[in-house]
Amino acid sequence: MTDSTTASLSGRVAIVTGGARGIGAAIARSLLSDGATVAITGLADDRERAATLTKSLPADAAGRLSFIQSDVGEYADCERTAAEVLAARGSIDILVNNAGITQDKTIRKMSTDQWHAVIRVNLTGPFFMTKAVFGQMLEQKRGRIVNMSSVVGLAGNFGQANYAASKAGLLGLTKTTALEGAASNVTANAVAPGFVGTDMVAAMPPAAVEAAIKSTPVKRLAEPDEIARVVRFLVDDRSGYLTGAVVSVNGGWYM
């Protein structure tokens, strides 16, 4: 439900990449709960997760959610995604670049294929999706873009050179997009979460998760909904003066 600090998203159309699970699903639920129409994207194995998400929603919200199979690392897929949403809904008002992967190894052991795979999804993907929707947002003189970075993009992390570089690169993309969109009321901001209770973190070695919690001042993982609330604020119509910012939501892990 919309509170006094946010405007209704009724009539607004959003794309959330990687929106079938984890932080992306929490973001999609948040936008839907305030009236937005949301298209989530993912690969073939995300279709079942998207169906599960749809079934968990109230009927009205479920009717405003759709799934588009799309690989953000392929520009043709990103163009097709934007075209399908525009044809079905008439506009694209919000883009949340959330899709991301990890392939962790130390620099010495990391293959060039592992490097390129992570950069392709985590950095090239957001550029491709932004490029696919940006012209339409500029023409309608309204748009909100949020890039999901990471505390690792700010601080670095042992064994995550590819992931850290991709998430740091998103900060430069965010700021440049903000500059190019500012005159047309198109904002771009980044959210840099710390360690969140998602499948990606659950796949980490238990000792690594325990170490992350121990080194976080609030002594716990974040809930996906805590990240989604920040995204919801950034995409609000009333947040038009906030652009080019990086919002850290990391429990004090990196300040």
Protein backbone atom coordinates (compact mmCIF):
# COMPACT_ATOMS: atom_id res chain seq x y z
CA MET A 1 0.00 0.00 0.00
CA THR A 2 1.24 3.47 -0.87
CA ASP A 3 2.31 5.56 2.12
CA SER A 4 2.49 9.34 2.54
CA THR A 5 6.05 9.49 1.20
CA THR A 6 5.30 7.88 -2.16
CA ALA A 7 2.89 8.44 -5.00
CA SER A 8 0.74 5.72 -6.51
CA LEU A 9 2.32 3.83 -9.39
CA SER A 10 -1.03 3.24 -11.04
CA GLY A 11 -0.59 3.64 -14.79
CA ARG A 12 3.19 3.22 -14.60
CA VAL A 13 4.87 0.39 -16.52
CA ALA A 14 8.05 -1.24 -15.24
CA ILE A 15 10.59 -3.77 -16.46
CA VAL A 16 12.56 -5.68 -13.83
CA THR A 17 15.31 -7.87 -15.22
CA GLY A 18 15.96 -11.04 -13.27
CA GLY A 19 12.65 -10.44 -11.54
CA ALA A 20 11.55 -14.02 -10.93
CA ARG A 21 13.38 -14.56 -7.66
CA GLY A 22 15.41 -12.98 -4.88
CA ILE A 23 15.76 -9.21 -4.84
CA GLY A 24 14.16 -8.93 -8.27
CA ALA A 25 10.99 -10.70 -7.14
CA ALA A 26 10.80 -8.50 -4.04
CA ILE A 27 11.11 -5.41 -6.25
CA ALA A 28 8.40 -6.68 -8.60
CA ARG A 29 6.04 -7.35 -5.66
CA SER A 30 6.68 -3.89 -4.27
CA LEU A 31 5.92 -2.14 -7.55
CA LEU A 32 2.83 -4.27 -8.15
CA SER A 33 1.51 -3.57 -4.66
CA ASP A 34 1.49 0.14 -5.45
CA GLY A 35 -0.34 -0.27 -8.75
CA ALA A 36 2.37 -0.61 -11.40
CA THR A 37 2.23 -2.99 -14.32
CA VAL A 38 5.41 -5.07 -14.30
CA ALA A 39 7.21 -7.19 -16.87
CA ILE A 40 9.90 -9.41 -15.40
CA THR A 41 12.58 -10.93 -17.61
CA GLY A 42 14.62 -14.08 -17.25
CA LEU A 43 15.96 -17.16 -18.97
CA ALA A 44 13.97 -20.30 -19.78
CA ASP A 45 14.46 -21.81 -16.33
CA ASP A 46 12.98 -18.67 -14.76
CA ARG A 47 9.57 -19.24 -16.35
CA GLU A 48 8.46 -21.66 -13.65
CA ARG A 49 9.70 -19.29 -10.93
CA ALA A 50 7.73 -16.47 -12.56
CA ALA A 51 4.61 -18.65 -12.53
CA THR A 52 5.13 -19.36 -8.83
CA LEU A 53 5.51 -15.64 -8.15
CA THR A 54 2.31 -14.91 -10.07
CA LYS A 55 0.37 -17.49 -8.06
CA SER A 56 1.53 -15.89 -4.80
CA LEU A 57 0.03 -12.51 -5.70
CA PRO A 58 -3.47 -11.12 -5.20
CA ALA A 59 -5.56 -11.50 -8.35
CA ASP A 60 -5.37 -7.83 -9.31
CA ALA A 61 -1.58 -7.71 -9.01
CA ALA A 62 -1.18 -11.06 -10.79
CA GLY A 63 -3.06 -9.63 -13.75
CA ARG A 64 -0.51 -6.84 -14.03
CA LEU A 65 2.54 -9.14 -14.04
CA SER A 66 4.02 -10.72 -17.15
CA PHE A 67 7.14 -12.75 -17.90
CA ILE A 68 9.35 -12.24 -20.96
CA GLN A 69 12.05 -14.77 -21.71
CA SER A 70 15.07 -12.68 -22.54
CA ASP A 71 18.86 -12.81 -22.26
CA VAL A 72 20.06 -9.35 -21.20
CA GLY A 73 23.46 -10.11 -22.73
CA GLU A 74 21.88 -10.13 -26.21
CA TYR A 75 20.93 -6.70 -27.50
CA ALA A 76 18.33 -8.15 -29.87
CA ASP A 77 16.57 -9.71 -26.86
CA CYS A 78 16.61 -6.37 -25.03
CA GLU A 79 15.16 -4.57 -28.04
CA ARG A 80 12.47 -7.24 -28.34
CA THR A 81 11.63 -6.96 -24.64
CA ALA A 82 11.18 -3.20 -24.91
CA ALA A 83 9.11 -3.54 -28.09
CA GLU A 84 6.82 -6.17 -26.52
CA VAL A 85 6.19 -4.05 -23.43
CA LEU A 86 5.55 -0.93 -25.50
CA ALA A 87 3.16 -2.78 -27.79
CA ALA A 88 1.23 -4.27 -24.86
CA ARG A 89 1.30 -1.36 -22.42
CA GLY A 90 2.02 1.81 -24.41
CA SER A 91 4.98 3.08 -22.39
CA ILE A 92 7.96 2.10 -20.27
CA ASP A 93 8.30 4.28 -17.19
CA ILE A 94 10.61 2.27 -14.93
CA LEU A 95 13.60 0.04 -15.62
CA VAL A 96 15.29 -1.91 -12.84
CA ASN A 97 18.49 -3.59 -14.03
CA ASN A 98 18.64 -6.38 -11.49
CA ALA A 99 19.77 -9.50 -13.38
CA GLY A 100 23.18 -10.68 -12.27
CA ILE A 101 25.42 -13.73 -11.94
CA THR A 102 28.59 -14.74 -10.14
CA GLN A 103 31.47 -16.97 -11.23
CA ASP A 104 33.97 -16.58 -8.42
CA LYS A 105 37.66 -17.37 -8.61
CA THR A 106 40.84 -15.57 -7.66
CA ILE A 107 42.41 -13.59 -10.48
CA ARG A 108 45.10 -16.22 -10.84
CA LYS A 109 42.55 -19.01 -11.31
CA MET A 110 39.77 -17.13 -13.11
CA SER A 111 39.37 -18.06 -16.76
CA THR A 112 38.84 -15.42 -19.41
CA ASP A 113 35.47 -17.06 -20.13
CA GLN A 114 34.43 -16.54 -16.50
CA TRP A 115 35.48 -12.91 -16.70
CA HIS A 116 33.51 -12.27 -19.89
CA ALA A 117 30.41 -14.17 -18.72
CA VAL A 118 29.95 -12.01 -15.62
CA ILE A 119 30.70 -8.73 -17.40
CA ARG A 120 28.26 -9.72 -20.16
CA VAL A 121 25.30 -10.16 -17.82
CA ASN A 122 26.09 -7.72 -15.01
CA LEU A 123 27.38 -4.73 -16.96
CA THR A 124 26.71 -5.13 -20.68
CA GLY A 125 23.16 -6.30 -19.90
CA PRO A 126 22.20 -3.09 -18.05
CA PHE A 127 23.71 -1.01 -20.86
CA PHE A 128 21.74 -2.95 -23.47
CA MET A 129 18.47 -2.64 -21.54
CA THR A 130 19.03 1.05 -20.85
CA LYS A 131 19.76 1.68 -24.52
CA ALA A 132 16.62 -0.23 -25.51
CA VAL A 133 14.29 1.94 -23.39
CA PHE A 134 16.15 5.24 -23.11
CA GLY A 135 14.92 6.90 -26.31
CA GLN A 136 11.28 6.29 -25.43
CA MET A 137 11.80 7.63 -21.91
CA LEU A 138 13.46 10.77 -23.25
CA GLU A 139 10.63 11.34 -25.72
CA GLN A 140 7.91 10.98 -23.09
CA LYS A 141 9.99 13.13 -20.70
CA ARG A 142 9.59 10.70 -17.83
CA GLY A 143 11.58 7.73 -16.64
CA ARG A 144 13.19 6.06 -13.66
CA ILE A 145 16.19 3.74 -14.05
CA VAL A 146 17.70 1.85 -11.13
CA ASN A 147 20.85 -0.23 -11.49
CA MET A 148 21.49 -2.90 -8.88
CA SER A 149 25.16 -2.61 -7.98
CA SER A 150 26.73 -4.12 -4.85
CA VAL A 151 28.86 -3.30 -1.85
CA VAL A 152 31.47 -5.42 -3.65
CA GLY A 153 31.54 -2.83 -6.42
CA LEU A 154 32.52 -0.22 -3.84
CA ALA A 155 34.91 -2.20 -1.67
CA GLY A 156 36.12 -5.08 -3.84
CA ASN A 157 36.15 -8.64 -2.57
CA PHE A 158 38.66 -11.47 -2.60
CA GLY A 159 37.91 -13.91 -5.40
CA GLN A 160 35.37 -11.69 -7.15
CA ALA A 161 37.35 -9.60 -9.61
CA ASN A 162 34.79 -10.07 -12.38
CA TYR A 163 31.78 -9.39 -10.14
CA ALA A 164 33.41 -6.39 -8.43
CA ALA A 165 34.43 -4.89 -11.76
CA SER A 166 30.95 -5.35 -13.22
CA LYS A 167 29.26 -3.75 -10.22
CA ALA A 168 31.77 -0.89 -10.10
CA GLY A 169 31.22 -0.32 -13.81
CA LEU A 170 27.50 0.07 -13.16
CA LEU A 171 28.26 3.17 -11.10
CA GLY A 172 29.84 4.90 -14.08
CA LEU A 173 26.96 3.81 -16.31
CA THR A 174 24.48 5.15 -13.75
CA LYS A 175 26.09 8.56 -13.50
CA THR A 176 26.40 8.97 -17.25
CA THR A 177 22.79 7.90 -17.78
CA ALA A 178 21.74 10.41 -15.11
CA LEU A 179 23.56 13.22 -16.92
CA GLU A 180 22.06 12.33 -20.29
CA GLY A 181 18.52 11.96 -18.93
CA ALA A 182 18.34 14.87 -16.48
CA ALA A 183 16.87 17.47 -18.82
CA SER A 184 14.05 15.08 -19.75
CA ASN A 185 13.04 14.05 -16.20
CA VAL A 186 14.71 10.67 -16.63
CA THR A 187 16.63 9.78 -13.49
CA ALA A 188 19.21 7.04 -12.98
CA ASN A 189 20.39 5.82 -9.60
CA ALA A 190 22.20 2.79 -8.25
CA VAL A 191 21.52 0.67 -5.20
CA ALA A 192 24.49 -1.11 -3.64
CA PRO A 193 23.24 -3.87 -1.33
CA GLY A 194 25.40 -5.73 1.11
CA PHE A 195 24.82 -9.42 1.80
CA VAL A 196 21.16 -10.32 1.29
CA GLY A 197 19.29 -13.51 2.12
CA THR A 198 18.91 -14.76 -1.46
CA ASP A 199 19.75 -17.93 -3.39
CA MET A 200 22.99 -16.31 -4.54
CA VAL A 201 24.18 -15.82 -0.97
CA ALA A 202 22.82 -19.21 0.10
CA ALA A 203 25.08 -20.79 -2.53
CA MET A 204 28.14 -19.36 -0.81
CA PRO A 205 30.13 -21.62 1.56
CA PRO A 206 28.52 -21.48 5.03
CA ALA A 207 31.77 -20.22 6.53
CA ALA A 208 31.78 -17.30 4.08
CA VAL A 209 28.18 -16.39 4.95
CA GLU A 210 28.99 -16.56 8.65
CA ALA A 211 32.03 -14.34 8.11
CA ALA A 212 29.91 -11.84 6.19
CA ILE A 213 27.37 -11.64 9.01
CA LYS A 214 30.12 -11.31 11.59
CA SER A 215 31.73 -8.43 9.70
CA THR A 216 28.41 -6.60 9.23
CA PRO A 217 27.73 -4.21 12.12
CA VAL A 218 24.01 -5.04 12.26
CA LYS A 219 24.98 -8.75 12.51
CA ARG A 220 22.54 -10.19 10.00
CA LEU A 221 21.78 -10.55 6.31
CA ALA A 222 19.40 -8.10 4.69
CA GLU A 223 15.92 -9.19 3.68
CA PRO A 224 15.12 -8.75 -0.05
CA ASP A 225 12.17 -6.52 0.90
CA GLU A 226 14.59 -4.10 2.60
CA ILE A 227 16.35 -3.57 -0.73
CA ALA A 228 13.05 -3.37 -2.61
CA ARG A 229 11.85 -0.52 -0.39
CA VAL A 230 14.83 1.60 -1.44
CA VAL A 231 14.18 0.86 -5.11
CA ARG A 232 10.52 1.77 -4.64
CA PHE A 233 11.53 5.18 -3.30
CA LEU A 234 13.91 5.83 -6.19
CA VAL A 235 11.31 5.07 -8.88
CA ASP A 236 8.67 7.31 -7.32
CA ASP A 237 7.35 10.31 -9.25
CA ARG A 238 8.30 12.46 -6.27
CA SER A 239 11.97 11.43 -6.42
CA GLY A 240 12.81 13.41 -9.54
CA TYR A 241 15.52 15.53 -7.91
CA LEU A 242 17.52 12.45 -6.88
CA THR A 243 19.68 11.25 -9.76
CA GLY A 244 23.20 9.94 -10.23
CA ALA A 245 23.24 8.69 -6.64
CA VAL A 246 24.55 5.45 -5.18
CA VAL A 247 22.48 4.29 -2.22
CA SER A 248 24.32 1.82 0.01
CA VAL A 249 22.14 -0.68 1.87
CA ASN A 250 24.74 -2.85 3.54
CA GLY A 251 24.13 -2.88 7.27
CA GLY A 252 27.28 -0.83 7.81
CA TRP A 253 29.59 -3.40 6.18
CA TYR A 254 31.22 -0.63 4.10
CA MET A 255 30.88 3.08 4.83
